[in-house]
């Protein structure tokens, strides 16, 4: 493990990159940076955001699909924190200047109706804690230059979190087998990709189980009302000024992200 002051220094560099230039990969600058170090760096930033008035509204699980793992060169899931400032409204303009290097992913989000904490959470217990499923578009972003990330780099950078657009139609989770939910992703009206819920760790529910059982031993509980993003059904696509992305999830409905035309 790196010394605490070194972890704090790395966290400060990432925090500065939100309003300044992106930074080189931490794994290049800090030799031997471990996954435990990376999560400590993430949490140091989370503490700073909370001190500044930010409110944790959920968590994201990233790197769950094989397509994303191949795209970013990583081999296992990770998690990050979702804050109140990261949520955007369906079909409402999003200012691109809020991001550094945005990409977009379609996901089936969970809204919890009950708290959930591992270890030992089963799929049945996870399903019972879900109040709604809702179409979502996650805006992933990186404070690391040109997305030159390893697993430790993205973990330290709050799992490359950027923003979330939730759809407007919330559904009971008991009415749909999420493994078989198909997704059609459109960019400016043209279909650019398709996917299915099974791409997310076999089922998005498996991703929720993993998150609860990973965070539980760390003393973190998933709270009622929190949003959990379980992972993308497709690979991620870059966002440019004026872009409109729409994801349709069969009977679950759709969600649209509209990006402003101003300069990034």
C-alpha atoms as a PDB file:
ATOM      1  CA  UNK A   1       0.000   0.000   0.000  1.00  0.00           C
ATOM      2  CA  UNK A   2       1.082   3.553  -0.735  1.00  0.00           C
ATOM      3  CA  UNK A   3       1.515   5.948   2.177  1.00  0.00           C
ATOM      4  CA  UNK A   4      -1.611   7.929   3.073  1.00  0.00           C
ATOM      5  CA  UNK A   5      -0.018  11.223   2.043  1.00  0.00           C
ATOM      6  CA  UNK A   6       0.779   9.814  -1.403  1.00  0.00           C
ATOM      7  CA  UNK A   7      -2.803   8.578  -1.804  1.00  0.00           C
ATOM      8  CA  UNK A   8      -4.017  12.040  -0.801  1.00  0.00           C
ATOM      9  CA  UNK A   9      -1.691  13.687  -3.321  1.00  0.00           C
ATOM     10  CA  UNK A  10      -3.059  11.484  -6.109  1.00  0.00           C
ATOM     11  CA  UNK A  11      -6.616  12.330  -5.035  1.00  0.00           C
ATOM     12  CA  UNK A  12      -5.802  16.049  -5.173  1.00  0.00           C
ATOM     13  CA  UNK A  13      -4.472  15.649  -8.714  1.00  0.00           C
ATOM     14  CA  UNK A  14      -7.700  14.006  -9.847  1.00  0.00           C
ATOM     15  CA  UNK A  15      -9.834  16.616  -8.092  1.00  0.00           C
ATOM     16  CA  UNK A  16      -7.912  19.402  -9.838  1.00  0.00           C
ATOM     17  CA  UNK A  17      -8.469  17.718 -13.211  1.00  0.00           C
ATOM     18  CA  UNK A  18     -12.242  18.298 -12.983  1.00  0.00           C
ATOM     19  CA  UNK A  19     -11.643  22.008 -13.586  1.00  0.00           C
ATOM     20  CA  UNK A  20      -8.250  21.829 -15.268  1.00  0.00           C
ATOM     21  CA  UNK A  21      -6.338  19.703 -17.763  1.00  0.00           C
ATOM     22  CA  UNK A  22      -6.514  15.924 -17.700  1.00  0.00           C
ATOM     23  CA  UNK A  23      -3.605  14.104 -16.083  1.00  0.00           C
ATOM     24  CA  UNK A  24      -1.362  11.195 -17.114  1.00  0.00           C
ATOM     25  CA  UNK A  25      -2.247   7.733 -15.769  1.00  0.00           C
ATOM     26  CA  UNK A  26      -1.618   7.471 -12.040  1.00  0.00           C
ATOM     27  CA  UNK A  27      -0.160   4.008 -12.564  1.00  0.00           C
ATOM     28  CA  UNK A  28       2.621   5.590 -14.622  1.00  0.00           C
ATOM     29  CA  UNK A  29       3.423   8.221 -12.013  1.00  0.00           C
ATOM     30  CA  UNK A  30       3.046   6.106  -8.881  1.00  0.00           C
ATOM     31  CA  UNK A  31       4.871   2.811  -9.206  1.00  0.00           C
ATOM     32  CA  UNK A  32       3.150  -0.090  -7.489  1.00  0.00           C
ATOM     33  CA  UNK A  33      -0.252   1.609  -7.198  1.00  0.00           C
ATOM     34  CA  UNK A  34      -2.543  -1.232  -6.122  1.00  0.00           C
ATOM     35  CA  UNK A  35      -6.291  -1.698  -6.406  1.00  0.00           C
ATOM     36  CA  UNK A  36      -6.566  -1.020  -2.659  1.00  0.00           C
ATOM     37  CA  UNK A  37      -4.656   2.225  -3.173  1.00  0.00           C
ATOM     38  CA  UNK A  38      -6.988   3.135  -6.021  1.00  0.00           C
ATOM     39  CA  UNK A  39     -10.116   2.696  -3.914  1.00  0.00           C
ATOM     40  CA  UNK A  40      -8.505   4.728  -1.110  1.00  0.00           C
ATOM     41  CA  UNK A  41      -7.847   7.511  -3.637  1.00  0.00           C
ATOM     42  CA  UNK A  42     -11.466   7.326  -4.800  1.00  0.00           C
ATOM     43  CA  UNK A  43     -12.758   7.555  -1.231  1.00  0.00           C
ATOM     44  CA  UNK A  44     -10.539  10.548  -0.477  1.00  0.00           C
ATOM     45  CA  UNK A  45     -12.323  12.390  -3.279  1.00  0.00           C
ATOM     46  CA  UNK A  46     -15.727  11.176  -2.099  1.00  0.00           C
ATOM     47  CA  UNK A  47     -14.991  12.616   1.361  1.00  0.00           C
ATOM     48  CA  UNK A  48     -14.053  15.955  -0.197  1.00  0.00           C
ATOM     49  CA  UNK A  49     -17.264  16.080  -2.256  1.00  0.00           C
ATOM     50  CA  UNK A  50     -19.371  15.281   0.807  1.00  0.00           C
ATOM     51  CA  UNK A  51     -17.568  17.980   2.798  1.00  0.00           C
ATOM     52  CA  UNK A  52     -18.519  20.366  -0.023  1.00  0.00           C
ATOM     53  CA  UNK A  53     -22.212  19.507   0.306  1.00  0.00           C
ATOM     54  CA  UNK A  54     -22.453  16.677  -2.205  1.00  0.00           C
ATOM     55  CA  UNK A  55     -24.932  13.872  -1.493  1.00  0.00           C
ATOM     56  CA  UNK A  56     -24.347  10.244  -2.458  1.00  0.00           C
ATOM     57  CA  UNK A  57     -27.369   9.101  -4.450  1.00  0.00           C
ATOM     58  CA  UNK A  58     -26.165   5.660  -5.478  1.00  0.00           C
ATOM     59  CA  UNK A  59     -23.371   3.628  -6.996  1.00  0.00           C
ATOM     60  CA  UNK A  60     -22.299   2.407 -10.396  1.00  0.00           C
ATOM     61  CA  UNK A  61     -20.769  -0.884 -11.363  1.00  0.00           C
ATOM     62  CA  UNK A  62     -18.477  -0.618 -14.342  1.00  0.00           C
ATOM     63  CA  UNK A  63     -16.607  -2.966 -16.639  1.00  0.00           C
ATOM     64  CA  UNK A  64     -19.242  -5.711 -16.416  1.00  0.00           C
ATOM     65  CA  UNK A  65     -19.641  -6.523 -20.102  1.00  0.00           C
ATOM     66  CA  UNK A  66     -17.042  -8.232 -22.235  1.00  0.00           C
ATOM     67  CA  UNK A  67     -17.403  -5.467 -24.828  1.00  0.00           C
ATOM     68  CA  UNK A  68     -16.405  -2.772 -22.324  1.00  0.00           C
ATOM     69  CA  UNK A  69     -13.601  -4.871 -20.859  1.00  0.00           C
ATOM     70  CA  UNK A  70     -12.112  -5.392 -24.301  1.00  0.00           C
ATOM     71  CA  UNK A  71     -12.582  -1.732 -25.213  1.00  0.00           C
ATOM     72  CA  UNK A  72     -10.757  -0.455 -22.125  1.00  0.00           C
ATOM     73  CA  UNK A  73      -8.325  -3.339 -21.637  1.00  0.00           C
ATOM     74  CA  UNK A  74      -9.493  -4.462 -18.188  1.00  0.00           C
ATOM     75  CA  UNK A  75     -10.678  -7.810 -16.874  1.00  0.00           C
ATOM     76  CA  UNK A  76     -12.921  -7.309 -13.827  1.00  0.00           C
ATOM     77  CA  UNK A  77     -15.716  -5.051 -12.563  1.00  0.00           C
ATOM     78  CA  UNK A  78     -15.255  -1.977 -10.436  1.00  0.00           C
ATOM     79  CA  UNK A  79     -17.521   0.459  -8.625  1.00  0.00           C
ATOM     80  CA  UNK A  80     -17.880   4.185  -8.116  1.00  0.00           C
ATOM     81  CA  UNK A  81     -20.121   6.687  -6.344  1.00  0.00           C
ATOM     82  CA  UNK A  82     -23.031   8.607  -7.861  1.00  0.00           C
ATOM     83  CA  UNK A  83     -23.663  12.099  -6.468  1.00  0.00           C
ATOM     84  CA  UNK A  84     -26.736  14.300  -6.735  1.00  0.00           C
ATOM     85  CA  UNK A  85     -24.925  16.637  -9.141  1.00  0.00           C
ATOM     86  CA  UNK A  86     -24.473  13.820 -11.669  1.00  0.00           C
ATOM     87  CA  UNK A  87     -28.161  13.305 -12.494  1.00  0.00           C
ATOM     88  CA  UNK A  88     -29.718  14.831 -15.617  1.00  0.00           C
ATOM     89  CA  UNK A  89     -33.300  14.817 -16.885  1.00  0.00           C
ATOM     90  CA  UNK A  90     -34.539  12.665 -19.738  1.00  0.00           C
ATOM     91  CA  UNK A  91     -34.596  14.544 -23.066  1.00  0.00           C
ATOM     92  CA  UNK A  92     -33.271  17.782 -21.517  1.00  0.00           C
ATOM     93  CA  UNK A  93     -30.130  19.599 -22.678  1.00  0.00           C
ATOM     94  CA  UNK A  94     -26.873  18.565 -20.993  1.00  0.00           C
ATOM     95  CA  UNK A  95     -23.952  21.003 -20.970  1.00  0.00           C
ATOM     96  CA  UNK A  96     -20.880  19.317 -22.432  1.00  0.00           C
ATOM     97  CA  UNK A  97     -18.537  21.649 -20.546  1.00  0.00           C
ATOM     98  CA  UNK A  98     -19.388  19.601 -17.429  1.00  0.00           C
ATOM     99  CA  UNK A  99     -17.233  16.777 -18.830  1.00  0.00           C
ATOM    100  CA  UNK A 100     -13.696  16.188 -20.061  1.00  0.00           C
ATOM    101  CA  UNK A 101     -13.870  13.199 -22.437  1.00  0.00           C
ATOM    102  CA  UNK A 102     -17.458  11.938 -22.295  1.00  0.00           C
ATOM    103  CA  UNK A 103     -18.680   8.634 -23.627  1.00  0.00           C
ATOM    104  CA  UNK A 104     -22.147   7.152 -23.319  1.00  0.00           C
ATOM    105  CA  UNK A 105     -23.467   3.720 -22.364  1.00  0.00           C
ATOM    106  CA  UNK A 106     -27.016   2.256 -22.204  1.00  0.00           C
ATOM    107  CA  UNK A 107     -27.933   0.574 -18.924  1.00  0.00           C
ATOM    108  CA  UNK A 108     -30.893  -0.856 -17.010  1.00  0.00           C
ATOM    109  CA  UNK A 109     -30.812   1.029 -13.722  1.00  0.00           C
ATOM    110  CA  UNK A 110     -32.117  -0.190 -10.375  1.00  0.00           C
ATOM    111  CA  UNK A 111     -33.865   2.024  -7.826  1.00  0.00           C
ATOM    112  CA  UNK A 112     -33.756   0.407  -4.399  1.00  0.00           C
ATOM    113  CA  UNK A 113     -36.836   0.262  -2.217  1.00  0.00           C
ATOM    114  CA  UNK A 114     -34.971  -1.216   0.743  1.00  0.00           C
ATOM    115  CA  UNK A 115     -31.431  -1.075   2.068  1.00  0.00           C
ATOM    116  CA  UNK A 116     -29.055  -3.832   0.992  1.00  0.00           C
ATOM    117  CA  UNK A 117     -25.771  -4.797   2.616  1.00  0.00           C
ATOM    118  CA  UNK A 118     -23.486  -7.772   2.219  1.00  0.00           C
ATOM    119  CA  UNK A 119     -21.710 -10.019   2.678  1.00  0.00           C
ATOM    120  CA  UNK A 120     -23.872 -12.975   1.794  1.00  0.00           C
ATOM    121  CA  UNK A 121     -26.531 -11.176  -0.242  1.00  0.00           C
ATOM    122  CA  UNK A 122     -28.295 -13.615  -2.577  1.00  0.00           C
ATOM    123  CA  UNK A 123     -29.937 -12.889  -5.917  1.00  0.00           C
ATOM    124  CA  UNK A 124     -33.323 -13.332  -4.240  1.00  0.00           C
ATOM    125  CA  UNK A 125     -32.493 -10.782  -1.550  1.00  0.00           C
ATOM    126  CA  UNK A 126     -31.146  -8.337  -4.113  1.00  0.00           C
ATOM    127  CA  UNK A 127     -34.271  -8.671  -6.240  1.00  0.00           C
ATOM    128  CA  UNK A 128     -36.492  -8.121  -3.198  1.00  0.00           C
ATOM    129  CA  UNK A 129     -34.681  -4.854  -2.437  1.00  0.00           C
ATOM    130  CA  UNK A 130     -35.320  -3.405  -5.918  1.00  0.00           C
ATOM    131  CA  UNK A 131     -38.377  -1.177  -6.211  1.00  0.00           C
ATOM    132  CA  UNK A 132     -38.030  -0.107  -9.841  1.00  0.00           C
ATOM    133  CA  UNK A 133     -36.007  -0.770 -12.954  1.00  0.00           C
ATOM    134  CA  UNK A 134     -35.650   2.132 -15.354  1.00  0.00           C
ATOM    135  CA  UNK A 135     -33.874   2.756 -18.680  1.00  0.00           C
ATOM    136  CA  UNK A 136     -30.720   4.798 -18.254  1.00  0.00           C
ATOM    137  CA  UNK A 137     -27.863   6.323 -20.165  1.00  0.00           C
ATOM    138  CA  UNK A 138     -24.632   6.639 -18.226  1.00  0.00           C
ATOM    139  CA  UNK A 139     -22.161   9.320 -19.235  1.00  0.00           C
ATOM    140  CA  UNK A 140     -18.766   7.942 -18.382  1.00  0.00           C
ATOM    141  CA  UNK A 141     -15.845  10.337 -18.277  1.00  0.00           C
ATOM    142  CA  UNK A 142     -12.144  10.233 -17.530  1.00  0.00           C
ATOM    143  CA  UNK A 143      -9.841  12.709 -15.916  1.00  0.00           C
ATOM    144  CA  UNK A 144      -6.981  10.567 -17.292  1.00  0.00           C
ATOM    145  CA  UNK A 145      -5.614  11.851 -20.603  1.00  0.00           C
ATOM    146  CA  UNK A 146      -6.915  10.033 -23.690  1.00  0.00           C
ATOM    147  CA  UNK A 147      -8.552   7.324 -21.573  1.00  0.00           C
ATOM    148  CA  UNK A 148      -5.143   5.676 -21.014  1.00  0.00           C
ATOM    149  CA  UNK A 149      -6.452   3.701 -18.082  1.00  0.00           C
ATOM    150  CA  UNK A 150      -5.698   0.510 -16.271  1.00  0.00           C
ATOM    151  CA  UNK A 151      -8.166  -0.925 -13.761  1.00  0.00           C
ATOM    152  CA  UNK A 152      -6.434   0.950 -10.937  1.00  0.00           C
ATOM    153  CA  UNK A 153      -6.585   4.239 -12.868  1.00  0.00           C
ATOM    154  CA  UNK A 154     -10.318   4.063 -13.493  1.00  0.00           C
ATOM    155  CA  UNK A 155     -11.040   2.947  -9.914  1.00  0.00           C
ATOM    156  CA  UNK A 156      -9.085   5.900  -8.527  1.00  0.00           C
ATOM    157  CA  UNK A 157     -11.019   8.182 -10.880  1.00  0.00           C
ATOM    158  CA  UNK A 158     -14.363   7.198  -9.279  1.00  0.00           C
ATOM    159  CA  UNK A 159     -14.805   4.401 -11.820  1.00  0.00           C
ATOM    160  CA  UNK A 160     -14.789   6.979 -14.638  1.00  0.00           C
ATOM    161  CA  UNK A 161     -18.138   8.354 -13.458  1.00  0.00           C
ATOM    162  CA  UNK A 162     -19.578  11.407 -15.160  1.00  0.00           C
ATOM    163  CA  UNK A 163     -23.354  11.591 -15.280  1.00  0.00           C
ATOM    164  CA  UNK A 164     -26.638   9.702 -15.405  1.00  0.00           C
ATOM    165  CA  UNK A 165     -29.826  10.206 -17.409  1.00  0.00           C
ATOM    166  CA  UNK A 166     -32.768   8.186 -16.109  1.00  0.00           C
ATOM    167  CA  UNK A 167     -35.813   7.459 -18.228  1.00  0.00           C
ATOM    168  CA  UNK A 168     -39.262   8.663 -17.232  1.00  0.00           C
ATOM    169  CA  UNK A 169     -41.029   5.283 -16.932  1.00  0.00           C
ATOM    170  CA  UNK A 170     -40.293   3.200 -13.836  1.00  0.00           C
ATOM    171  CA  UNK A 171     -41.175  -0.496 -13.919  1.00  0.00           C
ATOM    172  CA  UNK A 172     -41.691  -3.282 -11.434  1.00  0.00           C
ATOM    173  CA  UNK A 173     -38.629  -5.561 -11.480  1.00  0.00           C
ATOM    174  CA  UNK A 174     -40.777  -8.684 -11.043  1.00  0.00           C
ATOM    175  CA  UNK A 175     -42.423  -8.417 -14.463  1.00  0.00           C
ATOM    176  CA  UNK A 176     -39.348  -8.765 -16.674  1.00  0.00           C
ATOM    177  CA  UNK A 177     -36.475 -11.209 -17.076  1.00  0.00           C
ATOM    178  CA  UNK A 178     -33.687  -8.646 -17.350  1.00  0.00           C
ATOM    179  CA  UNK A 179     -31.378 -11.120 -19.075  1.00  0.00           C
ATOM    180  CA  UNK A 180     -33.631 -11.067 -22.132  1.00  0.00           C
ATOM    181  CA  UNK A 181     -34.269  -7.324 -22.332  1.00  0.00           C
ATOM    182  CA  UNK A 182     -32.919  -6.072 -25.636  1.00  0.00           C
ATOM    183  CA  UNK A 183     -31.454  -2.627 -26.213  1.00  0.00           C
ATOM    184  CA  UNK A 184     -31.233  -0.549 -29.380  1.00  0.00           C
ATOM    185  CA  UNK A 185     -28.851   2.397 -29.119  1.00  0.00           C
ATOM    186  CA  UNK A 186     -29.270   5.303 -31.549  1.00  0.00           C
ATOM    187  CA  UNK A 187     -26.944   8.210 -32.266  1.00  0.00           C
ATOM    188  CA  UNK A 188     -28.604  11.172 -33.961  1.00  0.00           C
ATOM    189  CA  UNK A 189     -31.383   8.870 -35.129  1.00  0.00           C
ATOM    190  CA  UNK A 190     -29.190   6.106 -36.590  1.00  0.00           C
ATOM    191  CA  UNK A 191     -28.805   2.700 -34.921  1.00  0.00           C
ATOM    192  CA  UNK A 192     -25.198   2.264 -33.798  1.00  0.00           C
ATOM    193  CA  UNK A 193     -25.403  -0.775 -31.517  1.00  0.00           C
ATOM    194  CA  UNK A 194     -27.643  -3.380 -29.927  1.00  0.00           C
ATOM    195  CA  UNK A 195     -27.316  -5.450 -26.798  1.00  0.00           C
ATOM    196  CA  UNK A 196     -29.135  -7.500 -24.192  1.00  0.00           C
ATOM    197  CA  UNK A 197     -29.262  -7.617 -20.424  1.00  0.00           C
ATOM    198  CA  UNK A 198     -27.318 -10.878 -20.382  1.00  0.00           C
ATOM    199  CA  UNK A 199     -24.237  -8.908 -21.473  1.00  0.00           C
ATOM    200  CA  UNK A 200     -24.075  -7.445 -17.954  1.00  0.00           C
ATOM    201  CA  UNK A 201     -22.449 -10.173 -15.852  1.00  0.00           C
ATOM    202  CA  UNK A 202     -25.000 -12.674 -17.186  1.00  0.00           C
ATOM    203  CA  UNK A 203     -27.786 -10.528 -15.725  1.00  0.00           C
ATOM    204  CA  UNK A 204     -27.901  -6.972 -14.341  1.00  0.00           C
ATOM    205  CA  UNK A 205     -29.123  -8.525 -11.085  1.00  0.00           C
ATOM    206  CA  UNK A 206     -25.808 -10.369 -10.720  1.00  0.00           C
ATOM    207  CA  UNK A 207     -24.079  -7.017 -10.879  1.00  0.00           C
ATOM    208  CA  UNK A 208     -26.207  -5.694  -8.007  1.00  0.00           C
ATOM    209  CA  UNK A 209     -25.369  -8.786  -5.947  1.00  0.00           C
ATOM    210  CA  UNK A 210     -21.663  -8.262  -6.631  1.00  0.00           C
ATOM    211  CA  UNK A 211     -21.874  -4.623  -5.559  1.00  0.00           C
ATOM    212  CA  UNK A 212     -23.714  -5.341  -2.298  1.00  0.00           C
ATOM    213  CA  UNK A 213     -21.312  -8.123  -1.368  1.00  0.00           C
ATOM    214  CA  UNK A 214     -18.236  -6.087  -2.319  1.00  0.00           C
ATOM    215  CA  UNK A 215     -19.246  -2.968  -0.406  1.00  0.00           C
ATOM    216  CA  UNK A 216     -20.713  -4.749   2.629  1.00  0.00           C
ATOM    217  CA  UNK A 217     -17.395  -5.840   4.166  1.00  0.00           C
ATOM    218  CA  UNK A 218     -16.218  -2.215   3.792  1.00  0.00           C
ATOM    219  CA  UNK A 219     -19.102  -1.068   5.974  1.00  0.00           C
ATOM    220  CA  UNK A 220     -21.054   0.468   3.086  1.00  0.00           C
ATOM    221  CA  UNK A 221     -24.786  -0.143   2.769  1.00  0.00           C
ATOM    222  CA  UNK A 222     -26.819   0.452  -0.368  1.00  0.00           C
ATOM    223  CA  UNK A 223     -29.658   2.689   0.799  1.00  0.00           C
ATOM    224  CA  UNK A 224     -33.356   2.776  -0.050  1.00  0.00           C
ATOM    225  CA  UNK A 225     -33.952   5.273  -2.835  1.00  0.00           C
ATOM    226  CA  UNK A 226     -30.434   4.933  -4.185  1.00  0.00           C
ATOM    227  CA  UNK A 227     -29.815   4.314  -7.870  1.00  0.00           C
ATOM    228  CA  UNK A 228     -27.518   1.486  -8.941  1.00  0.00           C
ATOM    229  CA  UNK A 229     -26.125   1.374 -12.465  1.00  0.00           C
ATOM    230  CA  UNK A 230     -25.205  -2.283 -13.066  1.00  0.00           C
ATOM    231  CA  UNK A 231     -23.178  -1.879 -16.268  1.00  0.00           C
ATOM    232  CA  UNK A 232     -23.495  -1.268 -19.980  1.00  0.00           C
ATOM    233  CA  UNK A 233     -25.283  -3.460 -22.507  1.00  0.00           C
ATOM    234  CA  UNK A 234     -22.957  -2.245 -25.289  1.00  0.00           C
ATOM    235  CA  UNK A 235     -19.555  -0.679 -25.656  1.00  0.00           C
ATOM    236  CA  UNK A 236     -19.204   3.046 -24.927  1.00  0.00           C
ATOM    237  CA  UNK A 237     -19.494   5.747 -27.601  1.00  0.00           C
ATOM    238  CA  UNK A 238     -17.864   9.197 -27.656  1.00  0.00           C
ATOM    239  CA  UNK A 239     -20.041  12.279 -27.305  1.00  0.00           C
ATOM    240  CA  UNK A 240     -19.713  15.447 -29.392  1.00  0.00           C
ATOM    241  CA  UNK A 241     -21.503  18.825 -29.199  1.00  0.00           C
ATOM    242  CA  UNK A 242     -25.100  18.621 -30.415  1.00  0.00           C
ATOM    243  CA  UNK A 243     -25.327  14.826 -30.162  1.00  0.00           C
ATOM    244  CA  UNK A 244     -28.567  13.066 -29.300  1.00  0.00           C
ATOM    245  CA  UNK A 245     -28.421   9.501 -27.996  1.00  0.00           C
ATOM    246  CA  UNK A 246     -31.500   7.354 -27.468  1.00  0.00           C
ATOM    247  CA  UNK A 247     -31.698   3.883 -25.969  1.00  0.00           C
ATOM    248  CA  UNK A 248     -34.828   1.742 -26.277  1.00  0.00           C
ATOM    249  CA  UNK A 249     -35.263  -1.267 -24.003  1.00  0.00           C
ATOM    250  CA  UNK A 250     -38.338  -3.059 -25.350  1.00  0.00           C
ATOM    251  CA  UNK A 251     -41.189  -3.030 -22.859  1.00  0.00           C
ATOM    252  CA  UNK A 252     -39.104  -1.021 -20.389  1.00  0.00           C
ATOM    253  CA  UNK A 253     -39.276   1.990 -22.693  1.00  0.00           C
ATOM    254  CA  UNK A 254     -36.553   4.414 -23.622  1.00  0.00           C
ATOM    255  CA  UNK A 255     -34.325   7.256 -22.483  1.00  0.00           C
ATOM    256  CA  UNK A 256     -32.767  10.140 -24.388  1.00  0.00           C
ATOM    257  CA  UNK A 257     -29.671  12.232 -23.705  1.00  0.00           C
ATOM    258  CA  UNK A 258     -29.416  15.574 -25.526  1.00  0.00           C
ATOM    259  CA  UNK A 259     -26.078  17.389 -25.505  1.00  0.00           C
ATOM    260  CA  UNK A 260     -25.622  21.109 -25.992  1.00  0.00           C
ATOM    261  CA  UNK A 261     -23.887  22.501 -29.060  1.00  0.00           C
ATOM    262  CA  UNK A 262     -21.415  24.637 -27.149  1.00  0.00           C
ATOM    263  CA  UNK A 263     -17.702  23.864 -27.037  1.00  0.00           C
ATOM    264  CA  UNK A 264     -16.445  21.279 -24.598  1.00  0.00           C
END
